[in-house]
N, C-alpha and C. Protein backbone atom coordinates (compact mmCIF):
# COMPACT_ATOMS: atom_id res chain seq x y z
N MET A 1 -60.39 -116.14 -49.45
CA MET A 1 -61.51 -114.69 -49.54
C MET A 1 -62.17 -114.94 -49.54
N GLN A 2 -63.42 -114.67 -48.78
CA GLN A 2 -65.03 -115.21 -48.89
C GLN A 2 -65.12 -113.82 -49.29
N VAL A 3 -66.66 -114.57 -50.28
CA VAL A 3 -67.23 -113.58 -50.85
C VAL A 3 -68.65 -114.13 -51.23
N ILE A 4 -69.54 -113.09 -50.84
CA ILE A 4 -70.60 -113.27 -51.56
C ILE A 4 -71.30 -113.59 -53.29
N LEU A 5 -71.98 -114.38 -53.34
CA LEU A 5 -71.95 -114.16 -55.08
C LEU A 5 -73.37 -113.06 -55.12
N GLU A 6 -73.26 -112.89 -56.41
CA GLU A 6 -74.29 -111.88 -56.47
C GLU A 6 -75.19 -112.59 -57.30
N LYS A 7 -74.56 -113.05 -58.28
CA LYS A 7 -75.57 -113.45 -59.01
C LYS A 7 -75.23 -114.79 -59.43
N ASP A 8 -76.10 -116.10 -60.42
CA ASP A 8 -75.19 -117.23 -60.17
C ASP A 8 -74.24 -117.54 -60.69
N PHE A 9 -73.77 -118.29 -60.59
CA PHE A 9 -72.08 -118.77 -61.42
C PHE A 9 -72.38 -119.52 -61.77
N ASP A 10 -72.10 -120.42 -62.88
CA ASP A 10 -71.99 -121.94 -62.36
C ASP A 10 -71.16 -122.88 -62.50
N GLU A 11 -69.69 -121.94 -62.46
CA GLU A 11 -68.47 -123.11 -61.57
C GLU A 11 -68.56 -122.38 -60.41
N LEU A 12 -69.07 -121.57 -60.26
CA LEU A 12 -68.62 -121.55 -58.33
C LEU A 12 -70.36 -121.90 -57.34
N GLY A 13 -71.18 -121.14 -57.98
CA GLY A 13 -72.32 -121.86 -57.42
C GLY A 13 -74.05 -120.39 -57.64
N LEU A 14 -74.81 -120.40 -56.44
CA LEU A 14 -76.11 -119.48 -57.08
C LEU A 14 -75.99 -118.20 -56.48
N GLU A 15 -77.09 -117.51 -56.60
CA GLU A 15 -76.88 -116.61 -55.56
C GLU A 15 -77.10 -115.97 -54.17
N GLY A 16 -76.48 -115.46 -53.52
CA GLY A 16 -76.73 -115.21 -52.43
C GLY A 16 -75.16 -116.43 -51.75
N ASP A 17 -75.12 -117.37 -52.01
CA ASP A 17 -73.57 -118.72 -51.42
C ASP A 17 -72.40 -117.43 -51.06
N LEU A 18 -71.98 -117.94 -49.80
CA LEU A 18 -70.81 -117.56 -49.83
C LEU A 18 -70.21 -118.60 -49.77
N ILE A 19 -68.57 -118.12 -50.56
CA ILE A 19 -67.40 -119.23 -51.52
C ILE A 19 -66.01 -118.35 -51.32
N ASN A 20 -65.26 -119.63 -50.90
CA ASN A 20 -64.04 -119.24 -50.83
C ASN A 20 -62.74 -119.02 -52.49
N VAL A 21 -62.56 -118.01 -52.66
CA VAL A 21 -61.73 -117.79 -54.22
C VAL A 21 -60.80 -117.34 -53.40
N ALA A 22 -60.12 -117.25 -54.33
CA ALA A 22 -58.56 -116.73 -54.99
C ALA A 22 -58.39 -115.78 -54.09
N ASP A 23 -57.89 -114.55 -53.81
CA ASP A 23 -58.16 -112.93 -53.81
C ASP A 23 -57.70 -112.27 -55.05
N GLY A 24 -56.86 -113.06 -55.61
CA GLY A 24 -56.40 -112.29 -56.91
C GLY A 24 -58.19 -112.21 -57.84
N TYR A 25 -59.16 -113.81 -58.14
CA TYR A 25 -59.66 -114.51 -58.88
C TYR A 25 -60.64 -112.66 -57.85
N ALA A 26 -60.94 -112.72 -56.77
CA ALA A 26 -61.76 -111.93 -56.71
C ALA A 26 -61.99 -110.69 -57.06
N ARG A 27 -60.29 -109.84 -56.52
CA ARG A 27 -60.73 -108.94 -57.06
C ARG A 27 -60.26 -108.29 -58.22
N ASN A 28 -59.74 -108.89 -58.69
CA ASN A 28 -59.61 -108.68 -60.73
C ASN A 28 -60.86 -109.17 -61.49
N PHE A 29 -61.90 -110.34 -61.02
CA PHE A 29 -62.71 -110.66 -62.05
C PHE A 29 -63.86 -110.27 -61.66
N LEU A 30 -64.41 -110.95 -60.04
CA LEU A 30 -65.81 -111.50 -59.50
C LEU A 30 -66.47 -110.33 -58.64
N ILE A 31 -65.55 -109.08 -58.22
CA ILE A 31 -66.10 -108.47 -57.95
C ILE A 31 -65.89 -107.06 -58.59
N PRO A 32 -65.07 -106.68 -59.65
CA PRO A 32 -65.22 -105.70 -61.08
C PRO A 32 -66.60 -106.15 -61.87
N LYS A 33 -66.59 -107.11 -61.90
CA LYS A 33 -67.73 -107.78 -63.47
C LYS A 33 -68.87 -107.86 -62.38
N GLN A 34 -69.15 -107.31 -60.81
CA GLN A 34 -69.84 -107.07 -60.10
C GLN A 34 -70.99 -108.39 -60.11
N ILE A 35 -70.40 -109.57 -60.43
CA ILE A 35 -70.76 -111.14 -60.07
C ILE A 35 -70.94 -111.76 -58.23
N ALA A 36 -69.53 -110.88 -57.57
CA ALA A 36 -69.38 -111.02 -55.90
C ALA A 36 -68.91 -110.33 -55.42
N LEU A 37 -69.69 -109.71 -53.83
CA LEU A 37 -69.48 -109.08 -53.08
C LEU A 37 -68.27 -109.68 -52.37
N GLU A 38 -67.02 -108.76 -51.69
CA GLU A 38 -66.42 -109.08 -50.44
C GLU A 38 -67.50 -109.33 -49.37
N ALA A 39 -67.63 -110.02 -48.78
CA ALA A 39 -67.84 -111.01 -46.93
C ALA A 39 -67.54 -110.36 -46.13
N THR A 40 -67.80 -108.98 -46.25
CA THR A 40 -67.48 -108.19 -45.03
C THR A 40 -68.60 -107.77 -43.99
N PRO A 41 -68.04 -107.46 -42.76
CA PRO A 41 -69.60 -107.49 -41.51
C PRO A 41 -70.90 -106.90 -42.64
N GLY A 42 -70.42 -105.96 -43.00
CA GLY A 42 -71.34 -104.72 -43.53
C GLY A 42 -72.44 -105.84 -44.51
N ASN A 43 -71.52 -106.24 -45.53
CA ASN A 43 -72.72 -107.43 -46.84
C ASN A 43 -73.03 -108.71 -46.10
N LEU A 44 -72.43 -109.25 -45.25
CA LEU A 44 -73.06 -110.43 -44.51
C LEU A 44 -74.60 -109.45 -44.00
N LYS A 45 -74.16 -108.63 -43.41
CA LYS A 45 -75.65 -108.33 -43.07
C LYS A 45 -76.76 -108.09 -43.56
N SER A 46 -76.40 -107.08 -45.05
CA SER A 46 -77.51 -107.16 -45.84
C SER A 46 -77.68 -108.31 -46.34
N PHE A 47 -76.65 -108.61 -46.83
CA PHE A 47 -77.07 -110.23 -47.60
C PHE A 47 -78.16 -111.15 -46.86
N GLU A 48 -78.41 -111.25 -45.39
CA GLU A 48 -79.14 -111.89 -44.25
C GLU A 48 -80.72 -111.28 -44.83
N LEU A 49 -80.36 -109.71 -44.71
CA LEU A 49 -81.82 -109.20 -44.96
C LEU A 49 -82.77 -110.13 -46.74
N ARG A 50 -81.67 -110.37 -47.08
CA ARG A 50 -81.89 -110.27 -49.05
C ARG A 50 -82.48 -111.66 -48.55
N LYS A 51 -81.73 -112.40 -47.52
CA LYS A 51 -81.87 -114.40 -47.99
C LYS A 51 -83.58 -114.68 -48.97
N LYS A 52 -84.19 -114.05 -47.63
CA LYS A 52 -85.94 -114.64 -48.11
C LYS A 52 -86.51 -114.34 -49.54
N LYS A 53 -85.62 -113.35 -49.83
CA LYS A 53 -85.59 -112.79 -51.24
C LYS A 53 -84.80 -113.82 -52.97
N ILE A 54 -84.28 -113.96 -52.39
CA ILE A 54 -83.07 -114.60 -52.71
C ILE A 54 -83.95 -115.99 -52.90
N GLU A 55 -84.24 -117.17 -52.15
CA GLU A 55 -84.67 -118.27 -51.32
C GLU A 55 -85.70 -117.88 -52.36
N VAL A 56 -87.52 -117.41 -51.97
CA VAL A 56 -88.33 -117.60 -53.07
C VAL A 56 -87.67 -116.91 -54.93
N LYS A 57 -86.91 -117.07 -55.40
CA LYS A 57 -86.88 -116.47 -56.05
C LYS A 57 -85.49 -117.83 -57.12
N ARG A 58 -85.06 -118.50 -56.37
CA ARG A 58 -84.65 -119.08 -56.57
C ARG A 58 -85.21 -120.58 -56.87
N LEU A 59 -86.54 -120.84 -55.97
CA LEU A 59 -88.21 -121.61 -56.09
C LEU A 59 -88.38 -121.38 -57.18
N ARG A 60 -88.82 -119.31 -57.40
CA ARG A 60 -89.19 -119.51 -58.74
C ARG A 60 -88.93 -120.29 -59.71
N ALA A 61 -87.72 -119.69 -59.93
CA ALA A 61 -86.91 -120.23 -61.22
C ALA A 61 -86.16 -121.64 -61.42
N LYS A 62 -86.64 -122.45 -60.71
CA LYS A 62 -86.33 -123.67 -60.46
C LYS A 62 -87.90 -124.60 -61.14
N GLU A 63 -89.04 -123.69 -60.46
CA GLU A 63 -90.07 -124.77 -60.73
C GLU A 63 -90.26 -124.41 -62.55
N GLU A 64 -90.02 -123.35 -63.06
CA GLU A 64 -90.21 -122.70 -64.30
C GLU A 64 -89.01 -123.83 -64.99
N ALA A 65 -87.89 -123.94 -64.42
CA ALA A 65 -87.33 -124.78 -65.03
C ALA A 65 -87.55 -126.12 -65.17
N GLU A 66 -88.17 -126.54 -64.05
CA GLU A 66 -88.96 -127.57 -64.18
C GLU A 66 -89.96 -128.49 -65.15
N LYS A 67 -90.80 -127.00 -65.56
CA LYS A 67 -91.88 -126.75 -66.18
C LYS A 67 -91.29 -127.08 -68.37
N MET A 68 -90.24 -126.49 -68.47
CA MET A 68 -89.47 -126.02 -69.14
C MET A 68 -88.83 -127.39 -69.40
N ALA A 69 -88.28 -127.81 -68.47
CA ALA A 69 -87.73 -129.49 -68.91
C ALA A 69 -88.45 -130.77 -69.59
N ALA A 70 -90.38 -130.43 -68.91
CA ALA A 70 -91.42 -131.45 -69.23
C ALA A 70 -92.26 -130.82 -70.31
N THR A 71 -91.71 -130.03 -70.85
CA THR A 71 -91.57 -129.07 -72.61
C THR A 71 -90.89 -130.05 -73.60
N LEU A 72 -89.54 -129.96 -73.26
CA LEU A 72 -88.35 -130.78 -73.78
C LEU A 72 -88.19 -132.27 -74.00
N GLU A 73 -88.83 -132.80 -72.69
CA GLU A 73 -89.00 -133.97 -73.25
C GLU A 73 -90.25 -134.48 -74.36
N GLY A 74 -89.12 -135.16 -74.98
CA GLY A 74 -90.08 -135.48 -75.74
C GLY A 74 -89.90 -134.99 -77.59
N VAL A 75 -89.38 -133.46 -77.05
CA VAL A 75 -89.02 -132.84 -78.33
C VAL A 75 -88.39 -133.67 -79.17
N THR A 76 -88.30 -133.72 -80.81
CA THR A 76 -87.35 -134.87 -81.70
C THR A 76 -86.95 -132.98 -82.81
N LEU A 77 -85.95 -133.03 -83.09
CA LEU A 77 -85.47 -132.02 -83.83
C LEU A 77 -84.74 -132.42 -85.12
N VAL A 78 -85.24 -132.40 -86.23
CA VAL A 78 -84.35 -133.08 -87.42
C VAL A 78 -84.04 -131.86 -88.51
N PHE A 79 -82.12 -132.17 -88.78
CA PHE A 79 -81.98 -131.58 -89.64
C PHE A 79 -81.45 -131.45 -90.81
N LYS A 80 -82.03 -131.63 -92.06
CA LYS A 80 -81.32 -131.80 -93.01
C LYS A 80 -80.07 -131.04 -93.93
N GLN A 81 -79.26 -132.03 -93.73
CA GLN A 81 -77.35 -131.13 -94.01
C GLN A 81 -76.76 -131.88 -94.93
N LYS A 82 -76.45 -131.06 -96.13
CA LYS A 82 -75.48 -131.89 -97.22
C LYS A 82 -74.44 -133.17 -96.11
N ALA A 83 -74.29 -134.09 -97.07
CA ALA A 83 -73.45 -135.13 -96.88
C ALA A 83 -72.38 -135.92 -97.72
N GLY A 84 -71.67 -136.51 -96.87
CA GLY A 84 -70.60 -136.94 -98.40
C GLY A 84 -71.10 -138.71 -98.13
N GLU A 85 -70.76 -139.57 -98.48
CA GLU A 85 -70.77 -140.67 -99.20
C GLU A 85 -70.89 -141.75 -97.92
N GLU A 86 -70.11 -141.41 -96.74
CA GLU A 86 -69.31 -142.27 -95.60
C GLU A 86 -70.44 -141.24 -94.54
N GLY A 87 -71.51 -140.51 -95.05
CA GLY A 87 -72.17 -140.27 -93.86
C GLY A 87 -71.96 -138.95 -93.09
N LYS A 88 -70.38 -138.41 -93.44
CA LYS A 88 -69.86 -136.96 -92.71
C LYS A 88 -70.61 -135.93 -93.05
N LEU A 89 -70.60 -135.06 -92.22
CA LEU A 89 -71.42 -133.99 -93.05
C LEU A 89 -70.03 -133.08 -93.29
N TYR A 90 -70.56 -132.23 -94.60
CA TYR A 90 -69.97 -130.79 -94.68
C TYR A 90 -70.48 -129.74 -93.91
N GLY A 91 -69.72 -129.49 -92.75
CA GLY A 91 -70.20 -128.86 -91.74
C GLY A 91 -70.71 -129.57 -90.35
N SER A 92 -71.17 -128.51 -89.32
CA SER A 92 -71.67 -129.60 -88.63
C SER A 92 -72.71 -128.95 -88.06
N VAL A 93 -73.82 -129.41 -86.97
CA VAL A 93 -74.74 -128.86 -86.33
C VAL A 93 -73.94 -128.43 -85.05
N THR A 94 -74.97 -127.07 -85.15
CA THR A 94 -74.24 -126.62 -83.33
C THR A 94 -75.20 -126.52 -83.03
N SER A 95 -74.76 -125.99 -81.73
CA SER A 95 -75.36 -125.65 -80.51
C SER A 95 -76.52 -123.81 -80.75
N MET A 96 -75.94 -123.63 -81.94
CA MET A 96 -76.81 -121.77 -82.23
C MET A 96 -78.30 -122.54 -83.24
N ASP A 97 -77.35 -124.21 -83.96
CA ASP A 97 -78.44 -124.52 -84.54
C ASP A 97 -79.69 -125.26 -83.93
N ILE A 98 -79.64 -126.02 -82.65
CA ILE A 98 -80.12 -126.45 -81.88
C ILE A 98 -81.01 -125.52 -81.42
N ALA A 99 -80.77 -124.76 -80.96
CA ALA A 99 -81.55 -123.78 -80.19
C ALA A 99 -82.18 -122.37 -80.71
N ALA A 100 -81.93 -122.54 -82.06
CA ALA A 100 -82.51 -121.92 -83.26
C ALA A 100 -83.72 -122.91 -83.85
N ALA A 101 -83.66 -123.68 -83.63
CA ALA A 101 -84.75 -124.83 -84.22
C ALA A 101 -85.30 -124.92 -83.11
N LEU A 102 -85.20 -124.63 -81.82
CA LEU A 102 -85.92 -124.86 -80.82
C LEU A 102 -87.20 -123.64 -80.24
N GLU A 103 -86.64 -122.63 -80.81
CA GLU A 103 -86.95 -121.37 -81.06
C GLU A 103 -87.76 -121.15 -82.47
N LYS A 104 -87.82 -121.86 -82.98
CA LYS A 104 -89.14 -122.50 -83.93
C LYS A 104 -90.15 -122.76 -83.33
N LYS A 105 -90.03 -123.99 -82.75
CA LYS A 105 -91.50 -124.72 -81.85
C LYS A 105 -91.92 -123.94 -80.51
N GLY A 106 -90.89 -122.50 -80.21
CA GLY A 106 -91.70 -122.11 -79.20
C GLY A 106 -91.38 -121.93 -78.14
N ILE A 107 -90.14 -122.74 -78.26
CA ILE A 107 -88.80 -122.56 -76.89
C ILE A 107 -87.61 -122.52 -77.07
N VAL A 108 -87.78 -120.80 -76.37
CA VAL A 108 -86.38 -120.63 -75.94
C VAL A 108 -85.26 -120.84 -74.71
N VAL A 109 -84.40 -121.05 -75.51
CA VAL A 109 -83.42 -121.38 -74.37
C VAL A 109 -81.76 -121.18 -74.87
N ASP A 110 -80.81 -120.75 -74.06
CA ASP A 110 -80.33 -120.32 -74.21
C ASP A 110 -79.07 -121.42 -75.12
N ARG A 111 -78.14 -120.70 -75.76
CA ARG A 111 -77.12 -121.78 -76.50
C ARG A 111 -76.07 -122.00 -75.51
N LYS A 112 -76.22 -121.60 -74.90
CA LYS A 112 -74.22 -121.47 -73.81
C LYS A 112 -75.14 -122.89 -72.77
N LYS A 113 -76.93 -122.81 -72.21
CA LYS A 113 -77.45 -124.37 -71.45
C LYS A 113 -77.38 -125.51 -72.77
N ILE A 114 -77.04 -125.88 -73.79
CA ILE A 114 -77.16 -126.47 -74.97
C ILE A 114 -75.44 -127.38 -74.82
N VAL A 115 -75.45 -128.20 -74.13
CA VAL A 115 -74.21 -129.29 -74.47
C VAL A 115 -74.14 -130.90 -75.00
N ILE A 116 -73.41 -130.61 -76.01
CA ILE A 116 -72.40 -131.09 -76.88
C ILE A 116 -71.21 -131.36 -76.65
N ASP A 117 -70.96 -132.78 -75.98
CA ASP A 117 -70.25 -133.39 -75.76
C ASP A 117 -68.68 -133.13 -76.64
N LYS A 118 -69.15 -134.22 -78.13
CA LYS A 118 -68.67 -133.56 -79.19
C LYS A 118 -69.30 -132.94 -80.31
N PRO A 119 -68.87 -132.45 -81.49
CA PRO A 119 -69.01 -132.06 -82.28
C PRO A 119 -70.41 -133.15 -83.05
N ILE A 120 -70.96 -132.71 -83.41
CA ILE A 120 -71.85 -133.62 -84.40
C ILE A 120 -72.12 -133.52 -85.59
N LYS A 121 -70.59 -134.23 -86.74
CA LYS A 121 -70.18 -134.29 -87.72
C LYS A 121 -70.61 -135.15 -88.64
N SER A 122 -71.94 -135.97 -88.26
CA SER A 122 -72.34 -137.31 -89.05
C SER A 122 -73.22 -137.36 -88.60
N LEU A 123 -74.13 -138.11 -89.73
CA LEU A 123 -75.44 -138.40 -90.07
C LEU A 123 -75.95 -139.33 -88.32
N GLY A 124 -77.27 -139.18 -88.43
CA GLY A 124 -77.46 -140.30 -87.05
C GLY A 124 -78.56 -139.65 -85.85
N GLU A 125 -78.60 -140.33 -85.01
CA GLU A 125 -79.55 -139.64 -83.61
C GLU A 125 -78.50 -139.76 -82.74
N TYR A 126 -78.92 -138.49 -82.52
CA TYR A 126 -78.06 -138.30 -80.64
C TYR A 126 -79.06 -137.42 -80.02
N ASN A 127 -79.15 -137.43 -78.72
CA ASN A 127 -79.80 -136.97 -77.34
C ASN A 127 -78.40 -136.18 -76.85
N ILE A 128 -78.94 -134.98 -76.77
CA ILE A 128 -78.55 -133.84 -76.20
C ILE A 128 -79.38 -133.63 -74.92
N LEU A 129 -78.10 -132.96 -74.14
CA LEU A 129 -78.53 -132.83 -72.66
C LEU A 129 -78.51 -131.30 -72.90
N ILE A 130 -79.43 -130.77 -71.94
CA ILE A 130 -79.72 -129.23 -72.30
C ILE A 130 -79.64 -129.15 -70.55
N LYS A 131 -79.26 -127.92 -69.66
CA LYS A 131 -78.98 -127.66 -68.82
C LYS A 131 -79.48 -126.68 -67.82
N ILE A 132 -80.65 -126.41 -68.28
CA ILE A 132 -81.71 -125.62 -68.31
C ILE A 132 -81.46 -124.82 -66.40
N TYR A 133 -81.39 -125.42 -65.68
CA TYR A 133 -81.09 -125.55 -64.01
C TYR A 133 -79.75 -125.35 -63.34
N PRO A 134 -79.32 -125.19 -62.25
CA PRO A 134 -77.87 -126.36 -61.85
C PRO A 134 -78.60 -127.40 -61.51
N THR A 135 -79.79 -128.34 -61.04
CA THR A 135 -80.22 -129.22 -60.71
C THR A 135 -81.39 -129.22 -61.70
N VAL A 136 -81.83 -129.02 -62.32
CA VAL A 136 -82.80 -129.58 -63.62
C VAL A 136 -82.12 -129.70 -64.98
N THR A 137 -82.39 -131.13 -65.69
CA THR A 137 -81.38 -131.25 -67.17
C THR A 137 -82.59 -131.16 -67.51
N SER A 138 -82.39 -131.35 -68.55
CA SER A 138 -83.40 -132.62 -70.01
C SER A 138 -82.78 -132.97 -71.15
N THR A 139 -83.57 -133.61 -72.08
CA THR A 139 -82.88 -134.72 -73.37
C THR A 139 -83.33 -133.90 -74.24
N VAL A 140 -83.18 -133.34 -75.17
CA VAL A 140 -84.06 -133.35 -76.91
C VAL A 140 -83.39 -134.65 -77.89
N LYS A 141 -83.90 -135.26 -78.47
CA LYS A 141 -83.40 -135.97 -79.39
C LYS A 141 -83.80 -134.57 -81.06
N VAL A 142 -81.97 -135.16 -81.51
CA VAL A 142 -81.15 -134.56 -82.59
C VAL A 142 -81.36 -135.70 -84.00
N GLU A 143 -81.84 -135.32 -84.77
CA GLU A 143 -81.57 -136.35 -86.10
C GLU A 143 -81.48 -135.35 -86.90
N VAL A 144 -80.16 -136.10 -87.43
CA VAL A 144 -79.04 -135.62 -88.64
C VAL A 144 -79.50 -136.05 -89.95
N ARG A 145 -80.05 -135.57 -90.90
CA ARG A 145 -80.69 -136.64 -92.14
C ARG A 145 -79.66 -135.98 -93.66
N SER A 146 -79.45 -136.75 -94.07
CA SER A 146 -79.22 -136.09 -95.51
C SER A 146 -79.63 -135.41 -96.28
N LEU A 147 -79.17 -134.36 -96.85
CA LEU A 147 -80.17 -133.68 -97.89
C LEU A 147 -81.07 -134.09 -99.15
N GLU A 148 -80.65 -135.34 -99.36
CA GLU A 148 -80.50 -135.61 -100.95
C GLU A 148 -82.26 -137.10 -100.02
N GLU A 149 -82.03 -137.00 -98.64
CA GLU A 149 -82.90 -137.96 -98.14
C GLU A 149 -84.39 -137.48 -98.44
N SER A 150 -85.17 -138.03 -99.11
CA SER A 150 -86.58 -137.60 -98.85
C SER A 150 -87.29 -137.40 -97.85
């Protein structure tokens, strides 16, 4: 079934994209949650009228994402956590912790956009990827130190 995306959806595409999905996925998930519209001739016609607005909106979002990426480059976050003798943490550093630390620095990032490959459960330095926009990413340096260190 062909559908038109009403919103940006990471797994499928950007707002206004015409995509093919399984009938059940469209009818049971995408359409009821107002993520997509069925690609009927009427909906396609109204989409064509909105296409320029969508393009302008995408351009602005990408420009803002690039500005945020420039702001994030070179940012280093330091976390002091309790750790055992072998450098293993009692707990872990999560995307929520990273988002909160960035917010303290005045940079608001949705925690869902912070990509952590494997949980941070030991002391050291990590480069964390942040997907700001589908085509714009940035990295933040995260240092995890022992609470006992000065």
